[in-house]
Amino acid sequence: MTTEQRSQAPVYSLFWILRRERNGDDSAVGVTGGDLAEVLTSNVDVHLRGAYSLAGLRPDADAIFWLISPDLDALQDTWTGMKRTTLGRQLLPVNVYLGMSGPSQYVADHVPAFTRGATPCKYLSVYPFVKTHEWYLLPYEERQRLMREHGELGREYPSILTNTISSYGLGDQEFVVAIEGDDPHEILRMMRQLRSAEVRKYTVYDTPIYLGRRKVLDEVIAELT
């Protein structure tokens, strides 16, 4: 699946936040990652945008795999295939965030960066997002004004890629937000500034936040073995 194909229509975006359960002597069971890498890259309908290491950055998770596909069944089949591998059977989901890409209902030209073919950055910060009931009772024009203000603050950080992915009915959250950047300090500065936007008062929750470092898939798998 090419970048151009992914940008033509809404696609599913799936984040597996995983930890490895280590039981006994790994050398005795021959834990390797070759089969897992093949499963994650062999389905032509599934694109692995990034494999991310969380080593030392979270106490409860080891890695994130970010997958994109127009076919939800293909994503589910990839999970099933992963769990059939020796290493995959030892990977437990800490969280799973599922959503679908598409343009913002408030700012027409605001679409997830990955659908524009943007190159993945070194770091990924991903988290769930839910708004208050009061937000949906505001007139559309007021919601649009607040979101435009929010967007203008974000545009002050052009090196940061934003991916806001709708998740209504697909998970506990209403959105999945994936922020990409090469400098964690820039991510911090942008997120701190966005706290001052008026729309912030309509947030119910936007945690837990998982920060991962993008690496070659084999390197992330090697950390898990």
N, C-alpha and C. Protein backbone atom coordinates (compact mmCIF):
# COMPACT_ATOMS: atom_id res chain seq x y z
N MET A 1 0.85 -1.20 0.00
CA MET A 1 0.00 0.00 0.00
C MET A 1 0.88 1.24 0.00
N THR A 2 0.76 2.07 -1.03
CA THR A 2 1.60 3.25 -1.17
C THR A 2 1.06 4.41 -0.37
N THR A 3 1.93 5.44 -0.18
CA THR A 3 1.50 6.66 0.52
C THR A 3 0.35 7.33 -0.20
N GLU A 4 0.42 7.34 -1.55
CA GLU A 4 -0.65 7.97 -2.33
C GLU A 4 -1.97 7.25 -2.11
N GLN A 5 -1.93 5.92 -2.08
CA GLN A 5 -3.15 5.17 -1.85
C GLN A 5 -3.72 5.45 -0.46
N ARG A 6 -2.83 5.58 0.54
CA ARG A 6 -3.31 5.81 1.89
C ARG A 6 -3.96 7.18 2.03
N SER A 7 -3.56 8.15 1.20
CA SER A 7 -4.07 9.51 1.35
C SER A 7 -5.38 9.73 0.60
N GLN A 8 -5.82 8.76 -0.23
CA GLN A 8 -7.00 8.95 -1.04
C GLN A 8 -8.30 8.80 -0.26
N ALA A 9 -8.29 8.04 0.80
CA ALA A 9 -9.51 7.77 1.55
C ALA A 9 -9.17 7.55 3.01
N PRO A 10 -10.16 7.70 3.89
CA PRO A 10 -9.90 7.44 5.32
C PRO A 10 -9.37 6.02 5.53
N VAL A 11 -8.44 5.91 6.45
CA VAL A 11 -7.87 4.61 6.78
C VAL A 11 -7.85 4.44 8.29
N TYR A 12 -7.79 3.20 8.72
CA TYR A 12 -7.67 2.91 10.15
C TYR A 12 -6.23 3.14 10.59
N SER A 13 -6.11 3.64 11.79
CA SER A 13 -4.81 3.83 12.42
C SER A 13 -4.86 3.10 13.75
N LEU A 14 -3.90 2.21 13.97
CA LEU A 14 -3.92 1.35 15.14
C LEU A 14 -2.58 1.41 15.86
N PHE A 15 -2.64 1.67 17.16
CA PHE A 15 -1.43 1.75 17.98
C PHE A 15 -1.47 0.62 19.00
N TRP A 16 -0.51 -0.27 18.90
CA TRP A 16 -0.35 -1.31 19.91
C TRP A 16 0.73 -0.87 20.88
N ILE A 17 0.35 -0.66 22.13
CA ILE A 17 1.31 -0.33 23.18
C ILE A 17 1.53 -1.60 23.99
N LEU A 18 2.74 -2.13 23.96
CA LEU A 18 2.99 -3.49 24.41
C LEU A 18 4.08 -3.56 25.47
N ARG A 19 3.97 -4.58 26.29
CA ARG A 19 5.07 -4.93 27.19
C ARG A 19 5.33 -6.42 27.05
N ARG A 20 6.56 -6.79 27.30
CA ARG A 20 6.89 -8.21 27.21
C ARG A 20 6.84 -8.84 28.59
N GLU A 21 6.14 -9.94 28.67
CA GLU A 21 6.10 -10.71 29.91
C GLU A 21 7.20 -11.76 29.85
N ARG A 22 8.19 -11.59 30.69
CA ARG A 22 9.34 -12.50 30.67
C ARG A 22 9.16 -13.57 31.74
N ASN A 23 9.11 -14.80 31.28
CA ASN A 23 8.92 -15.93 32.19
C ASN A 23 10.07 -16.91 32.05
N GLY A 24 10.84 -17.07 33.11
CA GLY A 24 11.89 -18.08 33.10
C GLY A 24 13.06 -17.71 32.23
N ASP A 25 13.76 -18.72 31.74
CA ASP A 25 14.96 -18.55 30.94
C ASP A 25 14.60 -18.48 29.47
N ASP A 26 14.74 -17.28 28.87
CA ASP A 26 14.38 -17.11 27.47
C ASP A 26 15.19 -18.01 26.55
N SER A 27 16.46 -18.26 26.89
CA SER A 27 17.30 -19.06 26.03
C SER A 27 16.78 -20.49 25.93
N ALA A 28 16.04 -20.92 26.94
CA ALA A 28 15.54 -22.29 26.94
C ALA A 28 14.40 -22.48 25.95
N VAL A 29 13.69 -21.38 25.60
CA VAL A 29 12.58 -21.50 24.67
C VAL A 29 12.90 -20.94 23.29
N GLY A 30 14.11 -20.46 23.14
CA GLY A 30 14.55 -19.98 21.84
C GLY A 30 13.79 -18.78 21.33
N VAL A 31 13.61 -17.76 22.16
CA VAL A 31 12.85 -16.58 21.77
C VAL A 31 13.62 -15.80 20.71
N THR A 32 13.00 -15.59 19.56
CA THR A 32 13.58 -14.78 18.48
C THR A 32 12.50 -13.87 17.94
N GLY A 33 12.89 -12.94 17.09
CA GLY A 33 11.91 -11.99 16.58
C GLY A 33 11.70 -12.04 15.08
N GLY A 34 12.36 -12.97 14.40
CA GLY A 34 12.25 -13.01 12.95
C GLY A 34 10.83 -13.22 12.46
N ASP A 35 10.12 -14.15 13.06
CA ASP A 35 8.74 -14.42 12.65
C ASP A 35 7.84 -13.21 12.90
N LEU A 36 8.08 -12.53 14.01
CA LEU A 36 7.27 -11.36 14.34
C LEU A 36 7.48 -10.26 13.31
N ALA A 37 8.71 -10.00 12.93
CA ALA A 37 9.00 -8.97 11.92
C ALA A 37 8.32 -9.30 10.60
N GLU A 38 8.31 -10.55 10.24
CA GLU A 38 7.68 -10.96 8.98
C GLU A 38 6.18 -10.72 9.03
N VAL A 39 5.55 -11.04 10.15
CA VAL A 39 4.10 -10.83 10.29
C VAL A 39 3.76 -9.35 10.16
N LEU A 40 4.56 -8.49 10.77
CA LEU A 40 4.27 -7.06 10.79
C LEU A 40 4.51 -6.38 9.44
N THR A 41 5.20 -7.04 8.54
CA THR A 41 5.56 -6.40 7.27
C THR A 41 5.09 -7.15 6.03
N SER A 42 4.45 -8.28 6.20
CA SER A 42 4.16 -9.12 5.04
C SER A 42 2.79 -8.86 4.41
N ASN A 43 1.86 -8.27 5.14
CA ASN A 43 0.52 -8.03 4.61
C ASN A 43 0.51 -6.76 3.77
N VAL A 44 0.18 -6.89 2.49
CA VAL A 44 0.23 -5.74 1.59
C VAL A 44 -0.81 -4.69 1.94
N ASP A 45 -1.83 -5.07 2.71
CA ASP A 45 -2.88 -4.12 3.09
C ASP A 45 -2.58 -3.41 4.41
N VAL A 46 -1.45 -3.73 5.03
CA VAL A 46 -1.08 -3.13 6.31
C VAL A 46 0.27 -2.45 6.17
N HIS A 47 0.33 -1.18 6.59
CA HIS A 47 1.57 -0.41 6.55
C HIS A 47 2.03 -0.13 7.98
N LEU A 48 3.26 -0.49 8.28
CA LEU A 48 3.85 -0.18 9.58
C LEU A 48 4.50 1.20 9.49
N ARG A 49 3.84 2.20 10.07
CA ARG A 49 4.42 3.55 10.01
C ARG A 49 5.65 3.66 10.90
N GLY A 50 5.63 2.95 12.02
CA GLY A 50 6.79 3.04 12.90
C GLY A 50 6.76 2.01 14.00
N ALA A 51 7.96 1.60 14.41
CA ALA A 51 8.15 0.78 15.61
C ALA A 51 8.93 1.64 16.59
N TYR A 52 8.46 1.72 17.81
CA TYR A 52 8.99 2.68 18.78
C TYR A 52 9.41 1.98 20.07
N SER A 53 10.57 2.37 20.55
CA SER A 53 11.07 1.84 21.82
C SER A 53 10.65 2.75 22.96
N LEU A 54 10.13 2.14 24.02
CA LEU A 54 9.78 2.88 25.23
C LEU A 54 10.72 2.52 26.38
N ALA A 55 11.83 1.88 26.04
CA ALA A 55 12.76 1.40 27.07
C ALA A 55 13.18 2.55 27.99
N GLY A 56 12.91 2.40 29.27
CA GLY A 56 13.29 3.40 30.26
C GLY A 56 12.41 4.63 30.30
N LEU A 57 11.41 4.72 29.42
CA LEU A 57 10.57 5.91 29.35
C LEU A 57 9.21 5.71 30.03
N ARG A 58 8.80 4.46 30.19
CA ARG A 58 7.56 4.14 30.89
C ARG A 58 7.81 2.91 31.75
N PRO A 59 7.16 2.83 32.91
CA PRO A 59 7.35 1.64 33.75
C PRO A 59 6.49 0.46 33.32
N ASP A 60 5.52 0.71 32.43
CA ASP A 60 4.52 -0.31 32.12
C ASP A 60 4.51 -0.76 30.67
N ALA A 61 5.39 -0.22 29.82
CA ALA A 61 5.35 -0.57 28.40
C ALA A 61 6.76 -0.59 27.82
N ASP A 62 6.94 -1.42 26.79
CA ASP A 62 8.25 -1.59 26.17
C ASP A 62 8.31 -1.09 24.73
N ALA A 63 7.19 -1.12 24.03
CA ALA A 63 7.23 -0.79 22.60
C ALA A 63 5.86 -0.35 22.11
N ILE A 64 5.88 0.41 21.00
CA ILE A 64 4.66 0.76 20.27
C ILE A 64 4.85 0.34 18.82
N PHE A 65 3.84 -0.30 18.26
CA PHE A 65 3.77 -0.54 16.82
C PHE A 65 2.59 0.26 16.29
N TRP A 66 2.87 1.14 15.32
CA TRP A 66 1.82 1.97 14.71
C TRP A 66 1.54 1.43 13.32
N LEU A 67 0.34 0.90 13.12
CA LEU A 67 -0.05 0.30 11.85
C LEU A 67 -1.20 1.07 11.22
N ILE A 68 -1.21 1.09 9.89
CA ILE A 68 -2.22 1.81 9.12
C ILE A 68 -2.76 0.87 8.05
N SER A 69 -4.08 0.89 7.88
CA SER A 69 -4.68 0.03 6.86
C SER A 69 -6.09 0.52 6.52
N PRO A 70 -6.52 0.33 5.27
CA PRO A 70 -7.92 0.61 4.94
C PRO A 70 -8.85 -0.51 5.38
N ASP A 71 -8.28 -1.60 5.86
CA ASP A 71 -9.03 -2.81 6.16
C ASP A 71 -8.83 -3.21 7.62
N LEU A 72 -9.87 -3.05 8.43
CA LEU A 72 -9.77 -3.40 9.84
C LEU A 72 -9.52 -4.89 10.03
N ASP A 73 -10.09 -5.71 9.16
CA ASP A 73 -9.87 -7.15 9.26
C ASP A 73 -8.40 -7.49 9.09
N ALA A 74 -7.73 -6.79 8.19
CA ALA A 74 -6.30 -7.05 7.96
C ALA A 74 -5.48 -6.71 9.20
N LEU A 75 -5.86 -5.65 9.91
CA LEU A 75 -5.16 -5.30 11.15
C LEU A 75 -5.39 -6.36 12.21
N GLN A 76 -6.61 -6.84 12.31
CA GLN A 76 -6.91 -7.87 13.29
C GLN A 76 -6.18 -9.17 12.95
N ASP A 77 -6.10 -9.49 11.66
CA ASP A 77 -5.38 -10.70 11.24
C ASP A 77 -3.89 -10.57 11.55
N THR A 78 -3.36 -9.36 11.45
CA THR A 78 -1.95 -9.16 11.78
C THR A 78 -1.71 -9.43 13.27
N TRP A 79 -2.63 -8.99 14.10
CA TRP A 79 -2.51 -9.27 15.54
C TRP A 79 -2.54 -10.78 15.80
N THR A 80 -3.48 -11.46 15.15
CA THR A 80 -3.60 -12.91 15.32
C THR A 80 -2.31 -13.61 14.89
N GLY A 81 -1.75 -13.16 13.75
CA GLY A 81 -0.50 -13.74 13.28
C GLY A 81 0.64 -13.47 14.24
N MET A 82 0.68 -12.28 14.80
CA MET A 82 1.73 -11.94 15.75
C MET A 82 1.67 -12.82 16.98
N LYS A 83 0.46 -13.09 17.46
CA LYS A 83 0.31 -13.89 18.67
C LYS A 83 0.63 -15.36 18.44
N ARG A 84 0.78 -15.76 17.19
CA ARG A 84 1.18 -17.14 16.91
C ARG A 84 2.69 -17.32 16.94
N THR A 85 3.44 -16.21 16.98
CA THR A 85 4.89 -16.31 17.01
C THR A 85 5.37 -16.49 18.46
N THR A 86 6.58 -17.01 18.59
CA THR A 86 7.12 -17.27 19.93
C THR A 86 7.21 -15.98 20.74
N LEU A 87 7.77 -14.94 20.13
CA LEU A 87 7.88 -13.66 20.84
C LEU A 87 6.53 -13.00 21.01
N GLY A 88 5.69 -13.07 19.99
CA GLY A 88 4.38 -12.43 20.05
C GLY A 88 3.52 -12.93 21.19
N ARG A 89 3.65 -14.22 21.51
CA ARG A 89 2.87 -14.78 22.61
C ARG A 89 3.26 -14.18 23.95
N GLN A 90 4.45 -13.58 24.03
CA GLN A 90 4.92 -12.98 25.28
C GLN A 90 4.68 -11.47 25.32
N LEU A 91 4.06 -10.93 24.27
CA LEU A 91 3.77 -9.49 24.24
C LEU A 91 2.33 -9.27 24.68
N LEU A 92 2.17 -8.47 25.72
CA LEU A 92 0.85 -8.18 26.27
C LEU A 92 0.47 -6.73 25.98
N PRO A 93 -0.79 -6.48 25.60
CA PRO A 93 -1.20 -5.11 25.32
C PRO A 93 -1.42 -4.31 26.61
N VAL A 94 -0.67 -3.24 26.75
CA VAL A 94 -0.90 -2.29 27.85
C VAL A 94 -2.06 -1.38 27.48
N ASN A 95 -2.10 -0.98 26.23
CA ASN A 95 -3.20 -0.20 25.68
C ASN A 95 -3.28 -0.44 24.18
N VAL A 96 -4.44 -0.28 23.62
CA VAL A 96 -4.65 -0.34 22.17
C VAL A 96 -5.51 0.86 21.80
N TYR A 97 -4.99 1.70 20.90
CA TYR A 97 -5.73 2.87 20.44
C TYR A 97 -6.07 2.66 18.96
N LEU A 98 -7.35 2.71 18.65
CA LEU A 98 -7.82 2.52 17.28
C LEU A 98 -8.64 3.73 16.85
N GLY A 99 -8.40 4.20 15.64
CA GLY A 99 -9.18 5.31 15.12
C GLY A 99 -9.15 5.32 13.60
N MET A 100 -9.83 6.29 13.02
CA MET A 100 -9.89 6.41 11.56
C MET A 100 -9.53 7.84 11.17
N SER A 101 -8.70 7.95 10.15
CA SER A 101 -8.26 9.26 9.69
C SER A 101 -9.37 9.96 8.92
N GLY A 102 -9.18 11.26 8.72
CA GLY A 102 -10.12 12.05 7.95
C GLY A 102 -9.90 13.52 8.25
N PRO A 103 -10.44 14.42 7.45
CA PRO A 103 -10.28 15.85 7.68
C PRO A 103 -11.03 16.28 8.93
N SER A 104 -10.55 17.35 9.55
CA SER A 104 -11.22 17.92 10.71
C SER A 104 -12.59 18.47 10.30
N GLN A 105 -13.58 18.32 11.18
CA GLN A 105 -14.90 18.88 10.89
C GLN A 105 -14.93 20.38 11.11
N TYR A 106 -13.85 20.93 11.65
CA TYR A 106 -13.81 22.37 11.94
C TYR A 106 -12.84 23.13 11.04
N VAL A 107 -11.74 22.50 10.67
CA VAL A 107 -10.74 23.15 9.82
C VAL A 107 -10.47 22.19 8.66
N ALA A 108 -11.00 22.52 7.48
CA ALA A 108 -11.05 21.57 6.37
C ALA A 108 -9.67 21.08 5.93
N ASP A 109 -8.65 21.95 6.02
CA ASP A 109 -7.33 21.55 5.53
C ASP A 109 -6.48 20.88 6.59
N HIS A 110 -7.07 20.62 7.76
CA HIS A 110 -6.31 19.96 8.83
C HIS A 110 -6.58 18.46 8.77
N VAL A 111 -5.60 17.73 8.28
CA VAL A 111 -5.70 16.27 8.17
C VAL A 111 -4.49 15.66 8.86
N PRO A 112 -4.58 14.41 9.29
CA PRO A 112 -3.41 13.77 9.91
C PRO A 112 -2.19 13.84 9.00
N ALA A 113 -1.05 14.12 9.59
CA ALA A 113 0.18 14.31 8.80
C ALA A 113 0.53 13.07 7.99
N PHE A 114 0.27 11.89 8.55
CA PHE A 114 0.68 10.68 7.83
C PHE A 114 -0.12 10.49 6.54
N THR A 115 -1.35 11.04 6.48
CA THR A 115 -2.14 10.91 5.25
C THR A 115 -1.64 11.84 4.16
N ARG A 116 -0.83 12.83 4.52
CA ARG A 116 -0.22 13.70 3.52
C ARG A 116 1.11 13.14 3.03
N GLY A 117 1.50 11.97 3.53
CA GLY A 117 2.77 11.39 3.13
C GLY A 117 3.95 11.93 3.89
N ALA A 118 3.73 12.58 5.03
CA ALA A 118 4.83 13.13 5.82
C ALA A 118 5.73 12.01 6.35
N THR A 119 7.04 12.24 6.28
CA THR A 119 8.01 11.27 6.77
C THR A 119 7.91 11.16 8.29
N PRO A 120 7.88 9.96 8.84
CA PRO A 120 7.81 9.82 10.31
C PRO A 120 9.00 10.48 10.99
N CYS A 121 8.77 11.00 12.19
CA CYS A 121 9.83 11.64 12.96
C CYS A 121 10.45 10.65 13.95
N LYS A 122 11.46 11.12 14.65
CA LYS A 122 12.21 10.26 15.57
C LYS A 122 11.38 9.87 16.79
N TYR A 123 10.53 10.79 17.26
CA TYR A 123 9.76 10.54 18.48
C TYR A 123 8.27 10.59 18.21
N LEU A 124 7.54 9.77 18.93
CA LEU A 124 6.09 9.73 18.87
C LEU A 124 5.53 9.89 20.27
N SER A 125 4.57 10.81 20.42
CA SER A 125 3.82 10.95 21.66
C SER A 125 2.36 10.68 21.32
N VAL A 126 1.78 9.63 21.90
CA VAL A 126 0.42 9.23 21.54
C VAL A 126 -0.43 9.11 22.80
N TYR A 127 -1.68 9.58 22.68
CA TYR A 127 -2.56 9.56 23.84
C TYR A 127 -4.02 9.61 23.41
N PRO A 128 -4.94 9.20 24.30
CA PRO A 128 -6.37 9.28 24.01
C PRO A 128 -6.89 10.68 24.36
N PHE A 129 -8.05 11.02 23.81
CA PHE A 129 -8.60 12.35 24.07
C PHE A 129 -10.12 12.27 24.09
N VAL A 130 -10.71 12.87 25.13
CA VAL A 130 -12.17 12.92 25.27
C VAL A 130 -12.58 14.33 25.66
N LYS A 131 -13.62 14.85 25.01
CA LYS A 131 -14.15 16.18 25.32
C LYS A 131 -15.38 16.07 26.22
N THR A 132 -15.72 17.19 26.84
CA THR A 132 -16.88 17.23 27.73
C THR A 132 -18.17 17.20 26.93
N HIS A 133 -19.26 16.84 27.61
CA HIS A 133 -20.58 16.87 26.97
C HIS A 133 -20.94 18.30 26.58
N GLU A 134 -20.52 19.27 27.39
CA GLU A 134 -20.83 20.68 27.11
C GLU A 134 -20.26 21.12 25.76
N TRP A 135 -19.12 20.54 25.39
CA TRP A 135 -18.50 20.90 24.11
C TRP A 135 -19.45 20.66 22.94
N TYR A 136 -20.12 19.54 22.96
CA TYR A 136 -20.99 19.18 21.84
C TYR A 136 -22.29 19.96 21.84
N LEU A 137 -22.58 20.66 22.93
CA LEU A 137 -23.77 21.50 22.99
C LEU A 137 -23.51 22.93 22.54
N LEU A 138 -22.24 23.29 22.36
CA LEU A 138 -21.91 24.61 21.85
C LEU A 138 -22.33 24.75 20.40
N PRO A 139 -22.70 25.95 19.95
CA PRO A 139 -22.98 26.15 18.52
C PRO A 139 -21.76 25.78 17.69
N TYR A 140 -22.00 25.26 16.51
CA TYR A 140 -20.89 24.82 15.64
C TYR A 140 -19.89 25.95 15.41
N GLU A 141 -20.39 27.15 15.17
CA GLU A 141 -19.50 28.28 14.87
C GLU A 141 -18.55 28.56 16.03
N GLU A 142 -19.03 28.39 17.27
CA GLU A 142 -18.18 28.61 18.43
C GLU A 142 -17.13 27.52 18.54
N ARG A 143 -17.53 26.29 18.29
CA ARG A 143 -16.55 25.20 18.31
C ARG A 143 -15.48 25.40 17.23
N GLN A 144 -15.93 25.86 16.08
CA GLN A 144 -14.98 26.09 14.99
C GLN A 144 -14.00 27.20 15.36
N ARG A 145 -14.49 28.27 15.99
CA ARG A 145 -13.61 29.37 16.41
C ARG A 145 -12.55 28.88 17.39
N LEU A 146 -12.97 28.09 18.36
CA LEU A 146 -12.05 27.60 19.37
C LEU A 146 -11.00 26.66 18.77
N MET A 147 -11.43 25.83 17.84
CA MET A 147 -10.48 24.91 17.22
C MET A 147 -9.51 25.63 16.30
N ARG A 148 -9.96 26.70 15.66
CA ARG A 148 -9.04 27.49 14.83
C ARG A 148 -7.99 28.17 15.70
N GLU A 149 -8.40 28.68 16.86
CA GLU A 149 -7.43 29.28 17.79
C GLU A 149 -6.41 28.24 18.22
N HIS A 150 -6.89 27.05 18.54
CA HIS A 150 -6.01 25.95 18.93
C HIS A 150 -5.03 25.63 17.81
N GLY A 151 -5.54 25.58 16.57
CA GLY A 151 -4.69 25.28 15.43
C GLY A 151 -3.63 26.33 15.18
N GLU A 152 -3.98 27.59 15.38
CA GLU A 152 -3.01 28.67 15.17
C GLU A 152 -1.84 28.56 16.15
N LEU A 153 -2.13 28.17 17.38
CA LEU A 153 -1.05 27.97 18.36
C LEU A 153 -0.12 26.84 17.92
N GLY A 154 -0.70 25.78 17.38
CA GLY A 154 0.10 24.65 16.94
C GLY A 154 0.96 24.97 15.74
N ARG A 155 0.51 25.89 14.89
CA ARG A 155 1.29 26.23 13.69
C ARG A 155 2.58 26.96 14.01
N GLU A 156 2.73 27.39 15.24
CA GLU A 156 3.99 28.03 15.64
C GLU A 156 5.12 27.01 15.77
N TYR A 157 4.80 25.73 15.60
CA TYR A 157 5.80 24.67 15.72
C TYR A 157 5.77 23.82 14.44
N PRO A 158 6.30 24.37 13.34
CA PRO A 158 6.19 23.69 12.05
C PRO A 158 6.94 22.37 11.96
N SER A 159 7.88 22.14 12.85
CA SER A 159 8.64 20.88 12.81
C SER A 159 7.86 19.72 13.42
N ILE A 160 6.75 20.02 14.10
CA ILE A 160 5.96 18.99 14.75
C ILE A 160 4.84 18.53 13.82
N LEU A 161 4.69 17.22 13.69
CA LEU A 161 3.61 16.64 12.90
C LEU A 161 2.47 16.25 13.84
N THR A 162 1.26 16.64 13.49
CA THR A 162 0.10 16.28 14.31
C THR A 162 -0.80 15.31 13.54
N ASN A 163 -1.31 14.35 14.28
CA ASN A 163 -2.23 13.36 13.71
C ASN A 163 -3.39 13.20 14.69
N THR A 164 -4.53 13.80 14.36
CA THR A 164 -5.73 13.65 15.18
C THR A 164 -6.65 12.69 14.47
N ILE A 165 -6.96 11.58 15.15
CA ILE A 165 -7.63 10.45 14.51
C ILE A 165 -8.94 10.17 15.25
N SER A 166 -10.04 10.16 14.54
CA SER A 166 -11.35 9.96 15.16
C SER A 166 -11.51 8.53 15.66
N SER A 167 -12.11 8.42 16.85
CA SER A 167 -12.24 7.10 17.47
C SER A 167 -13.63 6.87 18.05
N TYR A 168 -14.62 7.66 17.64
CA TYR A 168 -15.98 7.51 18.16
C TYR A 168 -16.50 6.09 17.91
N GLY A 169 -16.89 5.42 18.96
CA GLY A 169 -17.46 4.09 18.82
C GLY A 169 -16.45 2.99 18.56
N LEU A 170 -15.19 3.34 18.36
CA LEU A 170 -14.15 2.35 18.08
C LEU A 170 -13.32 2.03 19.32
N GLY A 171 -13.43 2.88 20.32
CA GLY A 171 -12.68 2.69 21.56
C GLY A 171 -13.25 3.58 22.64
N ASP A 172 -12.65 3.56 23.82
CA ASP A 172 -13.17 4.36 24.93
C ASP A 172 -13.01 5.86 24.68
N GLN A 173 -11.99 6.23 23.92
CA GLN A 173 -11.72 7.63 23.64
C GLN A 173 -12.51 8.12 22.43
N GLU A 174 -12.61 9.45 22.28
CA GLU A 174 -13.24 10.02 21.10
C GLU A 174 -12.23 10.28 19.99
N PHE A 175 -10.99 10.55 20.39
CA PHE A 175 -9.90 10.76 19.44
C PHE A 175 -8.65 10.06 19.94
N VAL A 176 -7.78 9.72 19.00
CA VAL A 176 -6.41 9.36 19.31
C VAL A 176 -5.54 10.47 18.74
N VAL A 177 -4.65 11.01 19.56
CA VAL A 177 -3.76 12.08 19.12
C VAL A 177 -2.33 11.53 19.09
N ALA A 178 -1.70 11.64 17.93
CA ALA A 178 -0.32 11.18 17.77
C ALA A 178 0.52 12.37 17.31
N ILE A 179 1.43 12.78 18.16
CA ILE A 179 2.32 13.90 17.89
C ILE A 179 3.70 13.35 17.52
N GLU A 180 4.25 13.80 16.39
CA GLU A 180 5.57 13.34 15.96
C GLU A 180 6.54 14.52 15.90
N GLY A 181 7.76 14.29 16.36
CA GLY A 181 8.78 15.32 16.31
C GLY A 181 10.16 14.72 16.49
N ASP A 182 11.16 15.44 16.01
CA ASP A 182 12.54 14.96 16.16
C ASP A 182 13.19 15.45 17.44
N ASP A 183 12.55 16.43 18.09
CA ASP A 183 13.10 17.00 19.31
C ASP A 183 12.03 16.95 20.41
N PRO A 184 12.21 16.14 21.44
CA PRO A 184 11.22 16.06 22.52
C PRO A 184 10.95 17.41 23.17
N HIS A 185 11.98 18.28 23.19
CA HIS A 185 11.78 19.59 23.80
C HIS A 185 10.75 20.40 23.01
N GLU A 186 10.75 20.27 21.69
CA GLU A 186 9.77 20.98 20.88
C GLU A 186 8.37 20.44 21.13
N ILE A 187 8.26 19.13 21.30
CA ILE A 187 6.96 18.54 21.64
C ILE A 187 6.47 19.11 22.96
N LEU A 188 7.35 19.15 23.95
CA LEU A 188 7.00 19.69 25.26
C LEU A 188 6.55 21.15 25.15
N ARG A 189 7.31 21.96 24.42
CA ARG A 189 6.98 23.39 24.30
C ARG A 189 5.62 23.59 23.64
N MET A 190 5.36 22.84 22.58
CA MET A 190 4.08 23.00 21.89
C MET A 190 2.93 22.58 22.80
N MET A 191 3.06 21.43 23.44
CA MET A 191 1.98 20.94 24.28
C MET A 191 1.73 21.86 25.47
N ARG A 192 2.80 22.44 26.00
CA ARG A 192 2.63 23.40 27.10
C ARG A 192 1.89 24.64 26.63
N GLN A 193 2.22 25.13 25.43
CA GLN A 193 1.55 26.31 24.91
C GLN A 193 0.07 26.03 24.61
N LEU A 194 -0.22 24.84 24.12
CA LEU A 194 -1.60 24.51 23.81
C LEU A 194 -2.48 24.47 25.06
N ARG A 195 -1.86 24.32 26.23
CA ARG A 195 -2.63 24.32 27.47
C ARG A 195 -3.33 25.66 27.70
N SER A 196 -2.84 26.72 27.07
CA SER A 196 -3.42 28.04 27.28
C SER A 196 -4.60 28.32 26.34
N ALA A 197 -4.87 27.41 25.40
CA ALA A 197 -5.99 27.61 24.48
C ALA A 197 -7.32 27.50 25.24
N GLU A 198 -8.26 28.32 24.87
CA GLU A 198 -9.55 28.32 25.56
C GLU A 198 -10.26 26.97 25.48
N VAL A 199 -10.06 26.27 24.37
CA VAL A 199 -10.73 25.00 24.17
C VAL A 199 -10.32 23.95 25.20
N ARG A 200 -9.20 24.20 25.86
CA ARG A 200 -8.68 23.25 26.84
C ARG A 200 -9.70 22.96 27.95
N LYS A 201 -10.54 23.92 28.27
CA LYS A 201 -11.48 23.73 29.39
C LYS A 201 -12.56 22.70 29.07
N TYR A 202 -12.63 22.29 27.81
CA TYR A 202 -13.60 21.27 27.42
C TYR A 202 -12.99 19.87 27.33
N THR A 203 -11.82 19.70 27.92
CA THR A 203 -11.16 18.40 27.92
C THR A 203 -11.55 17.61 29.16
N VAL A 204 -11.96 16.36 28.97
CA VAL A 204 -12.23 15.45 30.08
C VAL A 204 -10.94 14.77 30.50
N TYR A 205 -10.26 14.13 29.54
CA TYR A 205 -8.95 13.53 29.83
C TYR A 205 -8.14 13.38 28.56
N ASP A 206 -6.82 13.36 28.71
CA ASP A 206 -5.90 13.15 27.59
C ASP A 206 -4.66 12.39 28.07
N THR A 207 -4.87 11.41 28.90
CA THR A 207 -3.82 10.54 29.40
C THR A 207 -4.37 9.10 29.41
N PRO A 208 -3.49 8.08 29.43
CA PRO A 208 -2.04 8.13 29.56
C PRO A 208 -1.34 8.51 28.26
N ILE A 209 -0.17 9.12 28.43
CA ILE A 209 0.65 9.55 27.30
C ILE A 209 1.84 8.61 27.18
N TYR A 210 2.08 8.12 25.97
CA TYR A 210 3.21 7.22 25.73
C TYR A 210 4.17 7.89 24.76
N LEU A 211 5.42 8.06 25.19
CA LEU A 211 6.47 8.64 24.35
C LEU A 211 7.41 7.53 23.92
N GLY A 212 7.56 7.38 22.61
CA GLY A 212 8.44 6.34 22.09
C GLY A 212 9.45 6.90 21.10
N ARG A 213 10.57 6.23 21.00
CA ARG A 213 11.64 6.59 20.06
C ARG A 213 11.59 5.64 18.87
N ARG A 214 11.43 6.19 17.68
CA ARG A 214 11.32 5.37 16.48
C ARG A 214 12.67 4.75 16.13
N LYS A 215 12.64 3.45 15.88
CA LYS A 215 13.85 2.73 15.50
C LYS A 215 13.51 1.76 14.37
N VAL A 216 14.55 1.22 13.75
CA VAL A 216 14.34 0.15 12.78
C VAL A 216 13.62 -0.99 13.49
N LEU A 217 12.67 -1.62 12.79
CA LEU A 217 11.86 -2.67 13.40
C LEU A 217 12.72 -3.74 14.06
N ASP A 218 13.78 -4.17 13.40
CA ASP A 218 14.64 -5.22 13.98
C ASP A 218 15.27 -4.78 15.30
N GLU A 219 15.56 -3.48 15.43
CA GLU A 219 16.16 -2.99 16.67
C GLU A 219 15.15 -3.03 17.82
N VAL A 220 13.92 -2.65 17.52
CA VAL A 220 12.89 -2.70 18.57
C VAL A 220 12.62 -4.14 18.99
N ILE A 221 12.56 -5.03 18.01
CA ILE A 221 12.33 -6.43 18.32
C ILE A 221 13.49 -6.99 19.12
N ALA A 222 14.72 -6.59 18.78
CA ALA A 222 15.88 -7.06 19.53
C ALA A 222 15.81 -6.66 21.00
N GLU A 223 15.27 -5.47 21.28
CA GLU A 223 15.11 -5.03 22.67
C GLU A 223 14.09 -5.89 23.41
N LEU A 224 13.16 -6.49 22.67
CA LEU A 224 12.11 -7.29 23.29
C LEU A 224 12.53 -8.74 23.52
N THR A 225 13.60 -9.15 22.86
CA THR A 225 14.02 -10.56 22.97
C THR A 225 15.00 -10.75 24.12
